[in-house]
């Protein structure tokens, strides 16, 4: 699956030193690094051509933020409320978003690699051309997603919630899980491995006799 990468122009960037994120502010052409932003509360801010590097945001509510051509490197945004966010051409690399709320968000051309998003919430999100690679997503909530070309590659999705999400075309064959919460009818067209087939037989209440 082809995913458009962020169109980053580092030559235009200046270093951002602000410690407060403001509602409806426009952040453009910035390098934000080695920062810790706590107790932020803002809505509808937008970011374009921005790199977040070694940034920690905690105990914050940042609803309806917009990110276009943005890279997150070695960031920790655990337990942040990013609900109803819009992301287009964004990359997350070696980040933490444990318990982070992305519900009702719209993500297109988003790549998330080698990151930890256990207990994160993507419920009711619209995901188009989204790839999660080598991520821990234990107990993440992927229920009622609108999917258009999503990849889960070598991720731990044990105990993830996928109820109400049509999984047709989604390849889970190299993901790790012992159980998932889902509706069996949503599995139609999903790709799984022979080993995983036994797990789904158990979900159907059937018993394999050796």
Protein backbone atom coordinates (compact mmCIF):
# COMPACT_ATOMS: atom_id res chain seq x y z
CA UNK A 1 0.00 0.00 0.00
CA UNK A 2 1.38 3.38 -1.01
CA UNK A 3 1.30 6.04 1.70
CA UNK A 4 2.27 9.62 0.96
CA UNK A 5 5.02 10.73 3.35
CA UNK A 6 5.03 14.14 5.05
CA UNK A 7 6.32 16.88 2.79
CA UNK A 8 8.83 18.30 5.23
CA UNK A 9 10.83 21.41 4.35
CA UNK A 10 13.38 21.73 7.13
CA UNK A 11 15.07 24.73 5.50
CA UNK A 12 11.96 26.77 6.35
CA UNK A 13 11.84 25.74 9.99
CA UNK A 14 12.59 27.79 13.07
CA UNK A 15 12.95 26.47 16.60
CA UNK A 16 9.81 26.82 18.68
CA UNK A 17 10.22 27.50 22.40
CA UNK A 18 6.64 28.12 23.49
CA UNK A 19 5.35 26.32 26.57
CA UNK A 20 1.66 26.98 25.89
CA UNK A 21 -0.52 25.67 23.06
CA UNK A 22 -3.28 28.10 22.18
CA UNK A 23 -6.72 27.42 20.74
CA UNK A 24 -7.16 28.16 17.02
CA UNK A 25 -3.48 29.05 16.69
CA UNK A 26 -1.61 28.21 13.47
CA UNK A 27 1.83 26.66 13.89
CA UNK A 28 3.87 26.57 10.68
CA UNK A 29 7.44 25.68 9.71
CA UNK A 30 8.60 24.78 13.21
CA UNK A 31 10.98 22.40 14.95
CA UNK A 32 9.64 21.65 18.42
CA UNK A 33 12.14 19.55 20.37
CA UNK A 34 13.27 18.58 23.85
CA UNK A 35 10.14 20.04 25.41
CA UNK A 36 7.72 19.00 28.12
CA UNK A 37 4.25 20.53 27.90
CA UNK A 38 1.96 19.67 30.80
CA UNK A 39 -1.67 20.54 31.53
CA UNK A 40 -2.39 21.97 28.09
CA UNK A 41 -5.98 22.72 27.15
CA UNK A 42 -6.71 23.99 23.66
CA UNK A 43 -8.88 23.23 20.63
CA UNK A 44 -8.69 23.60 16.86
CA UNK A 45 -5.00 24.48 16.64
CA UNK A 46 -3.29 23.54 13.37
CA UNK A 47 0.24 22.39 12.55
CA UNK A 48 1.85 22.32 9.09
CA UNK A 49 5.44 21.47 8.17
CA UNK A 50 6.32 20.76 11.81
CA UNK A 51 8.68 18.27 13.45
CA UNK A 52 8.05 17.20 17.05
CA UNK A 53 11.24 15.61 18.43
CA UNK A 54 11.65 14.37 22.01
CA UNK A 55 8.48 16.12 23.11
CA UNK A 56 6.35 15.05 26.07
CA UNK A 57 2.76 16.23 26.45
CA UNK A 58 0.86 15.02 29.48
CA UNK A 59 -2.44 15.61 31.30
CA UNK A 60 -3.75 17.60 28.35
CA UNK A 61 -6.90 18.01 26.27
CA UNK A 62 -6.18 18.97 22.65
CA UNK A 63 -9.39 18.32 20.75
CA UNK A 64 -9.90 18.96 17.03
CA UNK A 65 -6.22 19.61 16.34
CA UNK A 66 -5.11 19.47 12.70
CA UNK A 67 -1.76 18.06 11.57
CA UNK A 68 -0.53 18.24 7.96
CA UNK A 69 3.00 17.30 6.89
CA UNK A 70 4.06 16.58 10.46
CA UNK A 71 6.65 14.18 11.91
CA UNK A 72 6.67 12.95 15.51
CA UNK A 73 9.97 11.41 16.66
CA UNK A 74 10.55 9.92 20.11
CA UNK A 75 7.52 11.68 21.58
CA UNK A 76 5.28 10.71 24.48
CA UNK A 77 1.67 11.86 24.23
CA UNK A 78 0.20 9.23 26.54
CA UNK A 79 -3.30 9.88 27.90
CA UNK A 80 -3.72 13.04 25.81
CA UNK A 81 -7.17 13.79 24.41
CA UNK A 82 -6.71 14.17 20.65
CA UNK A 83 -10.33 13.34 19.84
CA UNK A 84 -11.71 14.58 16.50
CA UNK A 85 -8.20 15.30 15.22
CA UNK A 86 -7.36 15.54 11.53
CA UNK A 87 -4.05 14.10 10.32
CA UNK A 88 -2.82 14.13 6.74
CA UNK A 89 0.68 13.02 5.79
CA UNK A 90 1.93 12.37 9.33
CA UNK A 91 4.61 10.00 10.62
CA UNK A 92 5.00 8.70 14.17
CA UNK A 93 8.38 7.10 14.87
CA UNK A 94 9.33 5.51 18.20
CA UNK A 95 6.55 7.27 20.09
CA UNK A 96 4.27 6.49 23.01
CA UNK A 97 0.54 7.13 22.94
CA UNK A 98 -0.62 4.85 25.74
CA UNK A 99 -4.26 5.57 26.57
CA UNK A 100 -4.36 8.42 24.05
CA UNK A 101 -7.79 9.32 22.68
CA UNK A 102 -7.99 9.56 18.87
CA UNK A 103 -11.72 8.81 18.74
CA UNK A 104 -13.71 10.35 15.88
CA UNK A 105 -10.48 11.40 14.19
CA UNK A 106 -9.76 11.45 10.47
CA UNK A 107 -6.38 10.08 9.42
CA UNK A 108 -5.07 9.85 5.87
CA UNK A 109 -1.55 8.90 4.78
CA UNK A 110 -0.42 8.26 8.36
CA UNK A 111 2.49 5.96 9.25
CA UNK A 112 3.11 4.78 12.82
CA UNK A 113 6.23 2.67 13.40
CA UNK A 114 7.91 1.06 16.41
CA UNK A 115 5.58 2.80 18.83
CA UNK A 116 3.57 1.87 21.93
CA UNK A 117 -0.15 2.62 21.88
CA UNK A 118 -1.59 0.22 24.43
CA UNK A 119 -5.12 1.18 25.55
CA UNK A 120 -5.31 3.91 22.89
CA UNK A 121 -8.75 4.79 21.55
CA UNK A 122 -9.47 5.06 17.81
CA UNK A 123 -13.22 4.36 18.11
CA UNK A 124 -15.34 5.80 15.26
CA UNK A 125 -12.21 7.10 13.49
CA UNK A 126 -11.93 7.30 9.69
CA UNK A 127 -8.65 5.73 8.58
CA UNK A 128 -7.52 5.90 4.95
CA UNK A 129 -4.05 4.73 3.91
CA UNK A 130 -2.89 4.21 7.50
CA UNK A 131 -0.03 1.87 8.44
CA UNK A 132 0.95 0.65 11.91
CA UNK A 133 4.21 -1.31 11.89
CA UNK A 134 5.97 -3.05 14.79
CA UNK A 135 3.70 -1.42 17.36
CA UNK A 136 2.30 -2.58 20.69
CA UNK A 137 -1.44 -1.98 20.63
CA UNK A 138 -2.60 -4.16 23.50
CA UNK A 139 -6.23 -3.50 24.43
CA UNK A 140 -6.43 -0.68 21.88
CA UNK A 141 -9.94 0.30 20.78
CA UNK A 142 -10.47 -0.03 17.01
CA UNK A 143 -14.26 -0.43 17.26
CA UNK A 144 -16.59 1.00 14.61
CA UNK A 145 -13.81 2.23 12.36
CA UNK A 146 -14.37 3.36 8.79
CA UNK A 147 -11.43 1.70 7.04
CA UNK A 148 -10.00 2.37 3.60
CA UNK A 149 -6.70 0.54 3.16
CA UNK A 150 -5.17 0.00 6.59
CA UNK A 151 -2.09 -2.08 7.39
CA UNK A 152 -1.27 -3.77 10.70
CA UNK A 153 2.22 -5.21 10.26
CA UNK A 154 3.89 -7.23 13.01
CA UNK A 155 1.88 -5.56 15.78
CA UNK A 156 0.76 -6.90 19.15
CA UNK A 157 -3.01 -6.37 19.12
CA UNK A 158 -3.89 -8.75 21.95
CA UNK A 159 -7.29 -7.99 23.53
CA UNK A 160 -7.93 -5.17 21.04
CA UNK A 161 -11.54 -4.11 20.49
CA UNK A 162 -12.66 -4.38 16.85
CA UNK A 163 -16.40 -4.69 17.30
CA UNK A 164 -18.36 -3.16 14.44
CA UNK A 165 -15.32 -2.70 12.17
CA UNK A 166 -15.43 -4.37 8.76
CA UNK A 167 -12.08 -6.14 8.45
CA UNK A 168 -12.31 -7.13 4.78
CA UNK A 169 -8.86 -6.91 3.20
CA UNK A 170 -7.05 -6.37 6.50
CA UNK A 171 -4.10 -8.75 6.92
CA UNK A 172 -3.60 -9.81 10.53
CA UNK A 173 -1.51 -12.87 9.72
CA UNK A 174 1.75 -11.62 11.26
CA UNK A 175 0.19 -9.83 14.24
CA UNK A 176 0.28 -11.26 17.75
CA UNK A 177 -2.86 -11.83 19.80
CA UNK A 178 -4.51 -14.45 21.99
CA UNK A 179 -7.94 -12.86 21.92
CA UNK A 180 -9.85 -10.06 20.22
CA UNK A 181 -13.21 -8.46 20.88
CA UNK A 182 -15.16 -8.46 17.62
CA UNK A 183 -18.23 -9.65 15.76
CA UNK A 184 -17.59 -12.78 13.74
CA UNK A 185 -19.47 -11.39 10.74
CA UNK A 186 -16.96 -8.53 10.54
CA UNK A 187 -14.18 -11.05 9.80
CA UNK A 188 -15.42 -11.69 6.26
CA UNK A 189 -12.45 -11.16 3.92
CA UNK A 190 -9.90 -10.72 6.74
CA UNK A 191 -6.53 -12.47 6.22
CA UNK A 192 -5.27 -14.62 9.10
CA UNK A 193 -2.65 -17.33 9.60
CA UNK A 194 -3.43 -21.04 10.18
CA UNK A 195 -2.28 -20.64 13.78
CA UNK A 196 -4.67 -17.74 14.34
CA UNK A 197 -7.56 -19.76 12.91
CA UNK A 198 -7.71 -21.76 16.13
CA UNK A 199 -8.20 -18.54 18.09
CA UNK A 200 -11.17 -17.56 15.96
CA UNK A 201 -12.67 -21.03 16.27
CA UNK A 202 -12.56 -20.49 20.02
CA UNK A 203 -14.27 -17.12 19.62
CA UNK A 204 -17.09 -18.92 17.83
CA UNK A 205 -17.55 -21.20 20.83
CA UNK A 206 -16.25 -24.26 19.01
CA UNK A 207 -13.76 -26.77 20.41
CA UNK A 208 -10.98 -28.35 18.36
CA UNK A 209 -10.57 -32.03 19.22
CA UNK A 210 -7.11 -33.48 18.77
